[in-house]
Amino acid sequence: MKKIIYTIGIIVVLVSSCTTTTKIPKSTAYKGMYDEKPLSVLLMSPINKSTNIEAKEYFHSTLNIPIANAGFYVIPPFLSMEILKKESAYDAELFLNSPLSKFREVFGADIVVFTIIHKWDKSGLAATVKVEVEYIIKSAKTNEILYTRKGDITYDASVSTGVGGAWGALANLAASAINTAATKYVDVARACNAYTFKDLPAGKYSPNYNNDGDQMSGKKNYKVRLNKNYR
């Protein structure tokens, strides 16, 4: 009996491994997006679980561009935020697991985007900003999750002075530490959002609309290293 249970356990692990590593077409990975064909997008205020209080604002301000570039109509973020604040609906935590039909009635939104910032740590010595962020897109019609990805992202702020030898290494270290300290949060947020939403199925205003379903989707849980050149 123990051998049977052990064998079943091994099979489950192997099957799980395959399902998490094998790439599948976007039409399968994000079936709900292709079925519903959403057009209008409401961006909720990010849920910030990190120790960096400013991360929430910078993530929210950089969400609209990659989604709009993917072919969707994004309800103007500043306008929607003002309305949400007036209606005491600014805290996205209250709505992540609640019906979203009200947002469809008020804003005409087809889908609602939630962002959860789990970690935001800056290291001057390593010249990096470590970010863990989760993206969840839910249908305002059915409340179903249509798209979700979670990233373990390292933003590389290192620089090279062009000086060789031991002194050059020290100069690079010092320059990288200074550059990390001066790195704009908005640059980090922009890179994270651009990378994540490059996997978003094309919306109605994209030339790729209805033509990208056969493309292979990215990993739902990914680990990547980015820098200021990624946007």
Foldseek 3Di string as FASTA:
>chain_A
DVVVVVVVVVVVVVVVVCVQPPWAFLCVQQVVCVVLQWAEEEEAQEAEQEPDPCLRVLLLVQQPVLVVVLPHHYDPHVVVCVVCVVVVNRRCVVPLQHQLLVCCVPVVGQKYKYKYWNYWDFDLQQLKTWTWMKIWIAGNVPRHTRDIAIEGEIEHQFDFPPDDDPVRVVVRSVVSSVSSVVDDSNLVSNLVSNVRSVQPHGHPRDPCHVPRRRPIGDRRYYYYYHYSVRD
